[in-house]
Amino acid sequence: MANYEAVIGLEIHAQLSTESKLFCTCPAGFGGGPNEHVCEVCSGMPGALPRLNEKAVELAAQAGYALNCRVNDYSLFSRKNYFYPDLPGGYQTSQYDPPICERGHLDIEVDGQAKRIGITRIHMEDDAGKCVHGQGGQSLVDLNRQGTALIEIVSDPDMRSAAEAAAFMREVHAILTCMDVTDGNMEEGNFRCDANVSIRPKGRAAFGTRAEIKNLNSFRNVQKAIEYEISRQKACIEDGDPIVQETRLFDSAKQITLSMRSKEDAHDYRYFPNPDLPPVIIDHAQKEAWFSRVPELPSARKRRFVDKFGLSEEDAALFAYDKHISSYFEEAVNACNEPKRIAALMNSEFLRECSSSGILPPQSKMTPARLGELAKIIDQGLISLRTAHDIFPDLFSSGGSPEEYVREKSLAQVSDAGELEKAVLAAIEENPAEAAAYKDGKTKLLSFFVGQVMRKTAGKANPALVNSLLQEKLK
């Protein structure tokens, strides 16, 4: 790509966390038998009138506020006309001009470099149904998803690499999930994106012909699909083949994009205002009430974790960008004001156990208070870090008190200076050659003597106190 530049924009679709669909009272949750959550409105029956879900408007406005958009007082729903088997009315109800939110931005960071990505618009729309192919040679339609409330976040074409696109999508996902605007479940299709990709010679202002890659539902797939598409378009240009404006799909198994259909432009959809829905009008007081309920956003939380708790940038980002982890961390710190120790335990032990057992932090039997208790008895010297590591799986699976477990199993450290001094002197007397070598300058032998003392105390000696006593006696 030395002579070319990629131009990338994303269209992110997030299903809103509403109990019912956008224009009817059918349940919006995932699952259910085929066509179980369907009524006259969402199945597109003639004469059935839609009624807008106010909660969806609130969530869309809050998303716009968090993404630095202007939230419009006045917006319209239009009919976006196209004909797919899973779109029973022959049109999608979407916002075109004006949308609920527009002209925002989001700052991302890639390889230590900050960059601002513009946001063209955020609009509300209802989702399509789902086609199920291959059952007995038939194609079937399930309309359970038809009519669920979505927002579409359309970025400016400001990204120049697949890594930037993936970072932008991650940042949007973190913001919207921390606000409970969406649950962000990619496996269920609740958070996905389409990527518009083109390339142009470096230095040229005009855009190249773009291809749209549809329905990317993981951060990894976003990056891999865009990387492949950039290389494909570069090869087309160098081979003298035309780049066609089209919609493509990403085959994650083969790591390639495949042509799906020619790409429509806005005029092909024949937008016109939906005659069954009045304009969406939001007064200033209502907007202020909605915005006041927006929680602390991940970027601000990360900065607070660094400034208040002294966490590293890496740990702060890990904890701040996942609402479950950040909530667990702060509860544990409230139980035991040792943020760095708690961060270390979560990084090295807790999150690994959560991952291996396939559960989220709030589902763990080890409560934040119990993790705080473990951090406390480590700092009090009751047990060593090594012992904490050894017993952590048992504590995680049982959810019991760490201190009670340690005392029941007789695992408490020996911190009695008089008792440890006897073991230290015995270790020195039994190894005169090593003691002489230490005095001659081979100070690395200190770890040898620590091991001898640990063996004599069945591993229960307080390591810090043993080190101090050894250095004193070996003089």
Protein backbone atom coordinates (compact mmCIF):
# COMPACT_ATOMS: atom_id res chain seq x y z
CA MET A 1 0.00 0.00 0.00
CA ALA A 2 2.99 2.34 -0.38
CA ASN A 3 1.27 4.12 -3.27
CA TYR A 4 -2.34 3.81 -2.09
CA GLU A 5 -4.53 4.97 0.76
CA ALA A 6 -7.57 3.19 2.17
CA VAL A 7 -10.76 5.12 2.86
CA ILE A 8 -13.07 3.37 5.34
CA GLY A 9 -16.42 4.21 6.89
CA LEU A 10 -18.54 2.04 9.16
CA GLU A 11 -22.30 1.65 9.56
CA ILE A 12 -22.80 0.13 13.01
CA HIS A 13 -26.17 -1.43 13.85
CA ALA A 14 -26.99 -1.75 17.55
CA GLN A 15 -30.21 -3.35 18.77
CA LEU A 16 -31.69 -1.17 21.48
CA SER A 17 -32.37 -2.61 24.93
CA THR A 18 -36.14 -2.27 24.80
CA GLU A 19 -38.57 -4.91 26.05
CA SER A 20 -40.81 -4.56 23.00
CA LYS A 21 -40.25 -3.83 19.33
CA LEU A 22 -39.98 -0.37 17.80
CA PHE A 23 -43.58 0.02 16.59
CA CYS A 24 -45.57 -2.70 18.38
CA THR A 25 -45.78 -4.53 21.71
CA CYS A 26 -44.28 -7.84 20.55
CA PRO A 27 -41.35 -9.01 22.75
CA ALA A 28 -37.94 -7.93 21.45
CA GLY A 29 -35.90 -10.62 23.23
CA PHE A 30 -33.78 -13.21 21.43
CA GLY A 31 -35.18 -16.71 20.95
CA GLY A 32 -38.66 -18.17 20.77
CA GLY A 33 -40.12 -20.52 18.19
CA PRO A 34 -40.26 -19.39 14.54
CA ASN A 35 -42.71 -16.50 14.06
CA GLU A 36 -43.78 -16.68 17.71
CA HIS A 37 -43.23 -12.97 18.46
CA VAL A 38 -45.17 -11.51 15.54
CA CYS A 39 -48.31 -9.37 15.21
CA GLU A 40 -50.20 -7.49 12.50
CA VAL A 41 -47.86 -4.49 12.73
CA CYS A 42 -44.45 -6.18 12.52
CA SER A 43 -45.66 -8.68 9.92
CA GLY A 44 -46.62 -5.80 7.62
CA MET A 45 -50.36 -6.39 7.40
CA PRO A 46 -52.22 -3.71 5.41
CA GLY A 47 -54.02 -1.21 7.63
CA ALA A 48 -52.10 -2.07 10.82
CA LEU A 49 -50.82 1.18 12.35
CA PRO A 50 -47.43 1.50 14.09
CA ARG A 51 -46.91 3.31 17.39
CA LEU A 52 -43.42 4.51 18.33
CA ASN A 53 -41.68 3.04 21.40
CA GLU A 54 -40.66 6.02 23.57
CA LYS A 55 -37.89 4.06 25.32
CA ALA A 56 -36.20 3.53 21.96
CA VAL A 57 -36.18 7.29 21.38
CA GLU A 58 -34.62 7.84 24.82
CA LEU A 59 -31.86 5.29 24.19
CA ALA A 60 -31.11 6.69 20.73
CA ALA A 61 -30.86 10.22 22.13
CA GLN A 62 -28.55 9.06 24.94
CA ALA A 63 -26.32 7.29 22.41
CA GLY A 64 -26.08 10.50 20.40
CA TYR A 65 -25.23 12.49 23.50
CA ALA A 66 -22.45 10.05 24.47
CA LEU A 67 -21.03 10.16 20.93
CA ASN A 68 -20.89 13.96 20.91
CA CYS A 69 -23.72 14.36 18.39
CA ARG A 70 -26.30 17.06 18.05
CA VAL A 71 -29.60 15.52 19.19
CA ASN A 72 -32.29 17.03 17.02
CA ASP A 73 -35.55 18.38 18.43
CA TYR A 74 -37.31 17.26 15.25
CA SER A 75 -36.79 14.10 13.19
CA LEU A 76 -38.81 12.00 10.75
CA PHE A 77 -39.40 8.35 9.95
CA SER A 78 -39.39 7.43 6.27
CA ARG A 79 -40.11 4.36 4.24
CA LYS A 80 -36.98 2.85 2.71
CA ASN A 81 -38.23 0.70 -0.14
CA TYR A 82 -36.61 -2.57 -1.13
CA PHE A 83 -37.87 -6.09 -1.59
CA TYR A 84 -36.43 -8.98 0.39
CA PRO A 85 -38.31 -12.09 1.56
CA ASP A 86 -37.62 -11.20 5.22
CA LEU A 87 -39.10 -7.68 4.84
CA PRO A 88 -42.84 -8.37 4.73
CA GLY A 89 -44.02 -4.81 4.12
CA GLY A 90 -41.72 -4.26 1.16
CA TYR A 91 -40.05 -1.37 2.99
CA GLN A 92 -38.04 -0.67 6.12
CA THR A 93 -39.13 2.12 8.46
CA SER A 94 -36.02 4.20 8.95
CA GLN A 95 -34.96 7.80 9.45
CA TYR A 96 -33.39 9.66 6.57
CA ASP A 97 -33.71 13.44 6.70
CA PRO A 98 -33.52 14.60 9.41
CA PRO A 99 -32.30 11.78 11.71
CA ILE A 100 -32.49 11.94 15.48
CA CYS A 101 -28.72 12.64 15.85
CA GLU A 102 -26.01 14.01 13.57
CA ARG A 103 -22.54 15.56 13.36
CA GLY A 104 -20.75 13.86 16.24
CA HIS A 105 -17.28 12.43 16.76
CA LEU A 106 -15.37 9.81 18.71
CA ASP A 107 -11.69 9.73 19.65
CA ILE A 108 -9.81 6.44 19.26
CA GLU A 109 -6.25 5.33 19.86
CA VAL A 110 -4.23 2.96 17.65
CA ASP A 111 -0.57 2.15 18.33
CA GLY A 112 -0.36 5.00 20.80
CA GLN A 113 -1.68 7.56 18.30
CA ALA A 114 -4.95 9.39 18.98
CA LYS A 115 -7.34 10.11 16.13
CA ARG A 116 -10.78 11.71 15.91
CA ILE A 117 -13.39 9.94 13.77
CA GLY A 118 -16.40 11.95 12.65
CA ILE A 119 -19.94 10.60 12.97
CA THR A 120 -22.27 11.62 10.15
CA ARG A 121 -25.55 10.56 11.72
CA ILE A 122 -27.37 8.23 14.07
CA HIS A 123 -30.83 7.17 13.03
CA MET A 124 -33.51 4.82 14.34
CA GLU A 125 -34.96 2.00 12.26
CA ASP A 126 -36.64 -1.37 12.62
CA ASP A 127 -34.75 -4.58 11.90
CA ALA A 128 -35.61 -7.08 9.19
CA GLY A 129 -36.55 -10.72 9.75
CA LYS A 130 -34.35 -13.71 9.11
CA CYS A 131 -34.17 -16.16 6.22
CA VAL A 132 -33.32 -19.77 7.10
CA HIS A 133 -31.97 -21.74 4.17
CA GLY A 134 -31.41 -25.41 3.50
CA GLN A 135 -34.11 -27.10 5.59
CA GLY A 136 -35.44 -29.83 3.35
CA GLY A 137 -34.32 -27.85 0.32
CA GLN A 138 -36.52 -24.92 1.35
CA SER A 139 -35.91 -21.31 2.36
CA LEU A 140 -38.01 -20.28 5.35
CA VAL A 141 -38.68 -16.87 6.90
CA ASP A 142 -38.70 -16.17 10.65
CA LEU A 143 -40.10 -12.74 11.55
CA ASN A 144 -39.30 -12.79 15.28
CA ARG A 145 -36.55 -10.23 14.73
CA GLN A 146 -38.64 -8.14 12.33
CA GLY A 147 -39.45 -4.78 13.88
CA THR A 148 -36.90 -4.82 16.73
CA ALA A 149 -35.53 -1.37 17.50
CA LEU A 150 -32.13 -0.46 16.05
CA ILE A 151 -29.92 2.55 15.82
CA GLU A 152 -27.50 2.85 12.93
CA ILE A 153 -24.34 4.83 13.61
CA VAL A 154 -22.83 6.07 10.35
CA SER A 155 -19.24 7.26 10.57
CA ASP A 156 -17.52 9.73 8.30
CA PRO A 157 -15.03 8.07 5.90
CA ASP A 158 -12.18 9.06 8.23
CA MET A 159 -10.50 5.71 8.88
CA ARG A 160 -7.41 4.73 6.92
CA SER A 161 -6.68 1.23 8.19
CA ALA A 162 -8.45 -1.91 9.32
CA ALA A 163 -6.96 -1.42 12.79
CA GLU A 164 -8.60 2.00 13.09
CA ALA A 165 -11.95 0.57 12.02
CA ALA A 166 -11.75 -2.21 14.63
CA ALA A 167 -10.73 0.32 17.31
CA PHE A 168 -13.68 2.56 16.41
CA MET A 169 -16.11 -0.34 16.61
CA ARG A 170 -14.68 -1.45 19.99
CA GLU A 171 -15.02 2.07 21.39
CA VAL A 172 -18.64 2.39 20.25
CA HIS A 173 -19.42 -1.06 21.68
CA ALA A 174 -17.86 -0.16 25.05
CA ILE A 175 -19.79 3.11 25.28
CA LEU A 176 -23.19 1.71 24.30
CA THR A 177 -22.94 -1.37 26.53
CA CYS A 178 -21.79 0.59 29.58
CA MET A 179 -24.90 2.77 29.13
CA ASP A 180 -27.18 -0.26 28.61
CA VAL A 181 -28.26 1.24 25.29
CA THR A 182 -27.63 -2.24 23.87
CA ASP A 183 -26.50 -5.55 25.32
CA GLY A 184 -23.89 -5.69 22.54
CA ASN A 185 -24.29 -9.44 22.00
CA MET A 186 -22.58 -10.06 18.67
CA GLU A 187 -23.38 -13.76 18.50
CA GLU A 188 -27.09 -12.94 18.51
CA GLY A 189 -26.62 -10.17 15.94
CA ASN A 190 -27.42 -7.37 18.38
CA PHE A 191 -24.27 -5.46 17.49
CA ARG A 192 -22.89 -5.68 13.96
CA CYS A 193 -21.57 -3.44 11.26
CA ASP A 194 -21.24 -2.90 7.52
CA ALA A 195 -17.88 -1.60 6.30
CA ASN A 196 -17.54 0.68 3.26
CA VAL A 197 -14.06 0.29 1.81
CA SER A 198 -12.30 1.97 -1.11
CA ILE A 199 -8.72 2.83 -1.98
CA ARG A 200 -7.18 5.73 -3.88
CA PRO A 201 -3.70 6.83 -4.91
CA LYS A 202 -2.01 8.72 -2.11
CA GLY A 203 -2.48 12.45 -2.42
CA ARG A 204 -5.70 12.25 -4.44
CA ALA A 205 -8.75 13.91 -2.88
CA ALA A 206 -11.46 12.06 -4.82
CA PHE A 207 -12.72 8.80 -3.37
CA GLY A 208 -12.38 5.51 -5.20
CA THR A 209 -15.25 3.11 -5.94
CA ARG A 210 -16.40 1.55 -2.70
CA ALA A 211 -17.50 -1.92 -1.77
CA GLU A 212 -19.74 -2.52 1.23
CA ILE A 213 -19.00 -5.60 3.37
CA LYS A 214 -22.21 -6.64 5.13
CA ASN A 215 -22.99 -8.01 8.59
CA LEU A 216 -19.62 -8.20 10.32
CA ASN A 217 -20.32 -9.40 13.85
CA SER A 218 -16.95 -9.50 15.59
CA PHE A 219 -14.05 -7.09 15.99
CA ARG A 220 -11.70 -9.65 14.49
CA ASN A 221 -13.90 -10.14 11.43
CA VAL A 222 -14.10 -6.39 10.89
CA GLN A 223 -10.33 -6.13 10.79
CA LYS A 224 -9.74 -9.25 8.69
CA ALA A 225 -12.50 -8.45 6.17
CA ILE A 226 -11.22 -4.90 5.61
CA GLU A 227 -7.61 -6.07 5.29
CA TYR A 228 -8.64 -8.57 2.63
CA GLU A 229 -10.81 -6.07 0.78
CA ILE A 230 -8.01 -3.49 0.66
CA SER A 231 -5.63 -6.07 -0.83
CA ARG A 232 -8.30 -7.25 -3.30
CA GLN A 233 -8.97 -3.74 -4.57
CA LYS A 234 -5.25 -3.01 -4.86
CA ALA A 235 -4.82 -6.15 -6.97
CA CYS A 236 -7.75 -5.11 -9.20
CA ILE A 237 -6.20 -1.71 -9.87
CA GLU A 238 -2.77 -3.13 -10.61
CA ASP A 239 -4.26 -5.79 -12.92
CA GLY A 240 -6.33 -3.20 -14.76
CA ASP A 241 -9.66 -4.69 -13.63
CA PRO A 242 -12.56 -2.38 -12.73
CA ILE A 243 -13.72 -2.08 -9.10
CA VAL A 244 -17.49 -2.46 -9.02
CA GLN A 245 -19.72 -0.70 -6.51
CA GLU A 246 -21.26 -3.71 -4.81
CA THR A 247 -22.25 -5.41 -1.58
CA ARG A 248 -19.96 -8.21 -0.46
CA LEU A 249 -19.99 -10.85 2.28
CA PHE A 250 -17.07 -12.00 4.42
CA ASP A 251 -16.32 -15.73 4.54
CA SER A 252 -14.65 -16.05 7.95
CA ALA A 253 -13.51 -19.62 7.25
CA LYS A 254 -11.66 -18.68 4.06
CA GLN A 255 -10.86 -15.13 5.22
CA ILE A 256 -12.08 -13.62 1.93
CA THR A 257 -14.91 -11.36 0.78
CA LEU A 258 -17.37 -12.56 -1.88
CA SER A 259 -19.66 -10.62 -4.19
CA MET A 260 -23.31 -10.61 -3.04
CA ARG A 261 -25.18 -8.04 -5.17
CA SER A 262 -24.80 -4.64 -6.79
CA LYS A 263 -24.87 -1.79 -4.29
CA GLU A 264 -27.80 0.59 -4.18
CA ASP A 265 -27.54 4.35 -3.72
CA ALA A 266 -29.90 6.39 -1.56
CA HIS A 267 -32.12 7.35 -4.50
CA ASP A 268 -32.70 3.66 -5.29
CA TYR A 269 -34.55 3.26 -1.99
CA ARG A 270 -37.12 5.95 -2.92
CA TYR A 271 -37.30 7.40 0.59
CA PHE A 272 -40.47 9.27 1.52
CA PRO A 273 -41.94 10.23 4.93
CA ASN A 274 -43.94 7.41 6.51
CA PRO A 275 -47.55 8.62 6.44
CA ASP A 276 -48.48 6.45 9.44
CA LEU A 277 -45.97 8.05 11.84
CA PRO A 278 -45.92 11.67 13.02
CA PRO A 279 -42.62 13.57 13.39
CA VAL A 280 -40.53 12.84 16.48
CA ILE A 281 -40.43 16.01 18.59
CA ILE A 282 -38.33 16.14 21.77
CA ASP A 283 -38.48 19.17 24.01
CA HIS A 284 -35.44 20.55 25.83
CA ALA A 285 -36.56 19.43 29.31
CA GLN A 286 -37.04 15.85 28.12
CA LYS A 287 -33.58 15.75 26.55
CA GLU A 288 -31.96 17.13 29.69
CA ALA A 289 -33.69 14.47 31.80
CA TRP A 290 -32.47 11.71 29.48
CA PHE A 291 -28.91 13.06 29.35
CA SER A 292 -28.73 13.32 33.15
CA ARG A 293 -29.10 9.54 33.34
CA VAL A 294 -26.06 8.84 31.14
CA PRO A 295 -23.44 7.12 33.36
CA GLU A 296 -19.68 7.69 33.42
CA LEU A 297 -18.26 6.69 30.03
CA PRO A 298 -15.36 4.22 29.63
CA SER A 299 -12.73 6.80 28.62
CA ALA A 300 -13.50 8.94 31.67
CA ARG A 301 -13.55 5.86 33.91
CA LYS A 302 -10.15 4.78 32.58
CA ARG A 303 -8.66 8.19 33.42
CA ARG A 304 -10.19 8.05 36.92
CA PHE A 305 -8.75 4.56 37.53
CA VAL A 306 -5.29 5.85 36.62
CA ASP A 307 -5.51 9.10 38.60
CA LYS A 308 -7.38 7.86 41.69
CA PHE A 309 -6.19 4.27 42.06
CA GLY A 310 -2.75 4.49 40.44
CA LEU A 311 -3.44 1.70 37.94
CA SER A 312 -1.33 1.32 34.82
CA GLU A 313 -2.83 2.48 31.53
CA GLU A 314 -3.19 -1.16 30.46
CA ASP A 315 -4.99 -2.30 33.62
CA ALA A 316 -7.18 0.80 33.65
CA ALA A 317 -8.26 0.16 30.06
CA LEU A 318 -8.95 -3.52 30.75
CA PHE A 319 -11.16 -2.72 33.73
CA ALA A 320 -12.83 0.47 32.49
CA TYR A 321 -14.00 -0.78 29.10
CA ASP A 322 -16.07 -3.67 30.42
CA LYS A 323 -18.96 -2.68 32.67
CA HIS A 324 -19.00 -6.03 34.48
CA ILE A 325 -15.27 -5.94 35.26
CA SER A 326 -15.26 -2.26 36.24
CA SER A 327 -18.22 -2.69 38.58
CA TYR A 328 -16.63 -5.75 40.21
CA PHE A 329 -13.30 -3.96 40.63
CA GLU A 330 -14.81 -0.91 42.30
CA GLU A 331 -16.91 -3.03 44.68
CA ALA A 332 -13.79 -4.98 45.67
CA VAL A 333 -11.87 -1.74 46.27
CA ASN A 334 -14.71 -0.50 48.47
CA ALA A 335 -14.40 -3.70 50.51
CA CYS A 336 -10.63 -3.42 50.82
CA ASN A 337 -8.89 -0.20 49.87
CA GLU A 338 -5.98 -1.90 48.10
CA PRO A 339 -6.67 -1.13 44.41
CA LYS A 340 -3.30 -2.25 43.05
CA ARG A 341 -3.41 -5.56 44.92
CA ILE A 342 -6.99 -6.16 43.76
CA ALA A 343 -6.05 -5.27 40.18
CA ALA A 344 -3.18 -7.76 40.32
CA LEU A 345 -5.43 -10.54 41.68
CA MET A 346 -8.07 -9.86 39.04
CA ASN A 347 -5.50 -9.85 36.24
CA SER A 348 -3.56 -12.91 37.29
CA GLU A 349 -6.24 -15.11 38.82
CA PHE A 350 -9.85 -13.91 38.79
CA LEU A 351 -10.36 -13.09 35.11
CA ARG A 352 -8.56 -16.29 34.10
CA GLU A 353 -10.95 -18.35 36.24
CA CYS A 354 -13.94 -16.46 34.81
CA SER A 355 -12.74 -17.12 31.27
CA SER A 356 -12.06 -20.82 31.83
CA SER A 357 -15.46 -21.34 33.48
CA GLY A 358 -17.31 -19.21 30.91
CA ILE A 359 -19.00 -16.89 33.39
CA LEU A 360 -19.16 -13.12 33.81
CA PRO A 361 -17.72 -11.49 36.96
CA PRO A 362 -21.17 -10.75 38.47
CA GLN A 363 -22.02 -14.47 38.22
CA SER A 364 -18.97 -15.58 40.17
CA LYS A 365 -19.40 -17.20 43.58
CA MET A 366 -16.35 -15.20 44.65
CA THR A 367 -17.97 -11.87 45.46
CA PRO A 368 -16.06 -8.57 45.31
CA ALA A 369 -16.05 -8.56 49.12
CA ARG A 370 -14.35 -11.98 49.16
CA LEU A 371 -11.69 -10.85 46.69
CA GLY A 372 -11.14 -7.77 48.84
CA GLU A 373 -10.77 -10.04 51.87
CA LEU A 374 -8.13 -12.08 50.05
CA ALA A 375 -6.20 -8.93 49.15
CA LYS A 376 -6.40 -7.83 52.78
CA ILE A 377 -4.96 -11.02 54.29
CA ILE A 378 -2.13 -10.97 51.75
CA ASP A 379 -1.19 -7.42 52.72
CA GLN A 380 -1.52 -8.29 56.43
CA GLY A 381 1.04 -11.05 55.90
CA LEU A 382 -1.35 -13.86 56.87
CA ILE A 383 -0.53 -15.69 53.60
CA SER A 384 2.00 -15.26 50.83
CA LEU A 385 1.26 -14.51 47.20
CA ARG A 386 2.29 -18.06 46.37
CA THR A 387 -0.25 -19.48 48.80
CA ALA A 388 -2.93 -17.13 47.42
CA HIS A 389 -2.18 -18.43 43.95
CA ASP A 390 -2.42 -22.06 45.10
CA ILE A 391 -5.75 -21.70 46.91
CA PHE A 392 -7.45 -19.33 44.46
CA PRO A 393 -9.25 -22.01 42.38
CA ASP A 394 -10.82 -23.46 45.55
CA LEU A 395 -11.90 -20.03 46.77
CA PHE A 396 -13.31 -19.14 43.34
CA SER A 397 -15.38 -22.31 43.08
CA SER A 398 -16.64 -22.26 46.68
CA GLY A 399 -17.12 -18.55 47.28
CA GLY A 400 -16.08 -19.06 50.90
CA SER A 401 -14.19 -16.77 53.24
CA PRO A 402 -10.45 -16.69 52.36
CA GLU A 403 -9.40 -16.07 55.97
CA GLU A 404 -11.50 -18.95 57.32
CA TYR A 405 -10.15 -21.24 54.58
CA VAL A 406 -6.55 -20.34 55.43
CA ARG A 407 -7.03 -20.97 59.14
CA GLU A 408 -8.96 -24.23 58.65
CA LYS A 409 -6.19 -25.56 56.36
CA SER A 410 -3.40 -24.27 58.64
CA LEU A 411 -1.91 -22.27 55.76
CA ALA A 412 -1.14 -19.09 57.67
CA GLN A 413 2.38 -17.72 57.26
CA VAL A 414 4.91 -17.99 60.05
CA SER A 415 5.75 -14.39 60.94
CA ASP A 416 7.15 -14.95 64.40
CA ALA A 417 10.67 -13.47 64.24
CA GLY A 418 12.02 -15.74 67.00
CA GLU A 419 10.80 -18.92 65.33
CA LEU A 420 12.05 -17.85 61.91
CA GLU A 421 15.44 -16.85 63.32
CA LYS A 422 15.98 -20.45 64.47
CA ALA A 423 15.25 -21.74 60.97
CA VAL A 424 17.53 -19.11 59.40
CA LEU A 425 20.47 -19.96 61.69
CA ALA A 426 19.98 -23.67 61.07
CA ALA A 427 20.02 -23.14 57.31
CA ILE A 428 23.28 -21.15 57.54
CA GLU A 429 24.96 -23.69 59.83
CA GLU A 430 24.00 -26.60 57.56
CA ASN A 431 25.47 -24.89 54.47
CA PRO A 432 28.81 -23.35 55.51
CA ALA A 433 30.31 -23.38 51.99
CA GLU A 434 27.39 -21.40 50.56
CA ALA A 435 27.50 -19.01 53.53
CA ALA A 436 31.19 -18.34 52.92
CA ALA A 437 30.56 -17.81 49.19
CA TYR A 438 27.79 -15.32 50.00
CA LYS A 439 30.18 -13.35 52.23
CA ASP A 440 32.71 -13.33 49.38
CA GLY A 441 30.23 -11.48 47.16
CA LYS A 442 28.02 -14.17 45.60
CA THR A 443 24.85 -12.47 46.84
CA LYS A 444 22.62 -14.41 44.44
CA LEU A 445 22.94 -17.28 46.93
CA LEU A 446 20.41 -15.47 49.09
CA SER A 447 17.61 -17.17 47.13
CA PHE A 448 19.24 -20.55 47.93
CA PHE A 449 19.00 -19.84 51.66
CA VAL A 450 15.42 -18.59 51.31
CA GLY A 451 14.58 -21.95 49.76
CA GLN A 452 16.24 -23.79 52.65
CA VAL A 453 14.24 -21.84 55.22
CA MET A 454 11.03 -22.40 53.28
CA ARG A 455 11.71 -26.12 53.26
CA LYS A 456 12.19 -26.13 57.01
CA THR A 457 8.91 -24.23 57.56
CA ALA A 458 6.86 -26.23 55.02
CA GLY A 459 6.60 -23.12 52.85
CA LYS A 460 4.84 -21.09 55.53
CA ALA A 461 7.60 -18.62 56.38
CA ASN A 462 6.97 -14.95 55.67
CA PRO A 463 9.28 -14.34 52.67
CA ALA A 464 9.94 -10.66 53.44
CA LEU A 465 10.90 -11.44 57.03
CA VAL A 466 13.07 -14.40 55.95
CA ASN A 467 14.96 -12.18 53.48
CA SER A 468 15.57 -9.57 56.13
CA LEU A 469 16.79 -12.10 58.72
CA LEU A 470 19.06 -13.89 56.24
CA GLN A 471 20.75 -10.67 55.14
CA GLU A 472 21.34 -9.77 58.78
CA LYS A 473 22.71 -13.18 59.83
CA LEU A 474 24.84 -13.79 56.74
CA LYS A 475 26.87 -10.66 57.52
